């Protein structure tokens, strides 16, 4: 069975709780998103992103700078991938 990796990023704020949790299957997209988050922090700017379809994020810098940014990677088996795909179709 083929195993793929799922990449996750979470932004957790003390006052508002979890304000972002997003999973990526494509490692390149994950790296680009991480660089965007890092850039927003370094340049002291709001984190704003829209993929043109279904994913919109806007986190003001004041919230972002007071938040924890956590990333993780975990394996997903082929069976889990098929199960997840079926759940999204239903």
Protein backbone atom coordinates (compact mmCIF):
# COMPACT_ATOMS: atom_id res chain seq x y z
CA UNK A 1 0.00 0.00 0.00
CA UNK A 2 1.22 3.45 -0.90
CA UNK A 3 1.55 5.89 1.95
CA UNK A 4 1.44 9.63 1.43
CA UNK A 5 2.10 12.44 3.84
CA UNK A 6 -0.27 15.08 5.08
CA UNK A 7 1.18 18.40 6.20
CA UNK A 8 -0.71 20.47 8.77
CA UNK A 9 -0.36 24.03 10.00
CA UNK A 10 -2.23 25.42 13.00
CA UNK A 11 -2.36 28.97 14.29
CA UNK A 12 -3.52 29.05 17.91
CA UNK A 13 -4.29 32.29 19.71
CA UNK A 14 -4.57 32.53 23.51
CA UNK A 15 -7.71 34.66 23.35
CA UNK A 16 -9.48 33.24 20.28
CA UNK A 17 -8.29 29.63 20.31
CA UNK A 18 -7.48 27.86 17.08
CA UNK A 19 -7.85 30.41 14.31
CA UNK A 20 -6.40 28.32 11.48
CA UNK A 21 -5.94 24.62 10.86
CA UNK A 22 -5.17 23.61 7.31
CA UNK A 23 -3.93 20.35 5.79
CA UNK A 24 -1.86 20.05 2.63
CA UNK A 25 -1.09 16.90 0.66
CA UNK A 26 1.32 18.69 -1.68
CA UNK A 27 4.60 19.44 0.10
CA UNK A 28 5.39 22.33 -2.26
CA UNK A 29 2.10 24.09 -1.50
CA UNK A 30 2.75 23.57 2.20
CA UNK A 31 6.21 25.16 1.94
CA UNK A 32 4.80 28.14 0.01
CA UNK A 33 2.10 28.65 2.66
CA UNK A 34 4.71 28.43 5.46
CA UNK A 35 6.86 31.02 3.69
CA UNK A 36 3.82 33.26 3.39
CA UNK A 37 3.12 32.97 7.14
CA UNK A 38 6.79 33.60 7.94
CA UNK A 39 6.82 36.61 5.60
CA UNK A 40 3.76 38.11 7.28
CA UNK A 41 5.43 37.76 10.68
CA UNK A 42 8.78 39.18 9.53
CA UNK A 43 7.25 42.11 7.63
CA UNK A 44 4.68 42.76 10.38
CA UNK A 45 1.78 42.50 7.93
CA UNK A 46 -1.64 40.84 8.00
CA UNK A 47 -1.78 37.27 6.72
CA UNK A 48 -4.20 37.32 3.78
CA UNK A 49 -4.68 34.53 1.27
CA UNK A 50 -7.41 33.49 -1.17
CA UNK A 51 -6.97 30.52 -3.48
CA UNK A 52 -9.56 31.85 -5.93
CA UNK A 53 -12.01 29.12 -5.08
CA UNK A 54 -12.82 27.95 -1.56
CA UNK A 55 -10.04 28.90 0.83
CA UNK A 56 -9.89 32.43 2.28
CA UNK A 57 -7.71 33.45 5.22
CA UNK A 58 -7.26 36.88 6.76
CA UNK A 59 -5.50 37.11 10.12
CA UNK A 60 -4.56 40.60 11.30
CA UNK A 61 -0.92 40.93 12.33
CA UNK A 62 -1.87 41.83 15.90
CA UNK A 63 -3.53 38.40 16.28
CA UNK A 64 -0.82 36.56 14.35
CA UNK A 65 2.07 37.95 16.41
CA UNK A 66 0.34 36.81 19.64
CA UNK A 67 -0.32 33.31 18.33
CA UNK A 68 1.54 30.03 18.23
CA UNK A 69 2.18 28.61 14.78
CA UNK A 70 2.52 24.83 14.85
CA UNK A 71 3.23 22.45 12.00
CA UNK A 72 3.08 18.69 11.81
CA UNK A 73 3.46 15.89 9.31
CA UNK A 74 1.70 12.57 9.42
CA UNK A 75 1.30 9.55 7.17
CA UNK A 76 -1.96 8.65 5.45
CA UNK A 77 -2.43 5.15 4.08
CA UNK A 78 -4.13 4.49 0.75
CA UNK A 79 -7.16 3.07 2.59
CA UNK A 80 -7.55 6.30 4.58
CA UNK A 81 -7.20 8.36 1.40
CA UNK A 82 -10.01 6.40 -0.28
CA UNK A 83 -12.19 6.68 2.84
CA UNK A 84 -11.64 10.46 3.01
CA UNK A 85 -12.40 10.83 -0.70
CA UNK A 86 -15.64 8.86 -0.33
CA UNK A 87 -16.68 10.97 2.67
CA UNK A 88 -16.20 14.17 0.69
CA UNK A 89 -18.31 12.84 -2.18
CA UNK A 90 -21.22 11.90 0.09
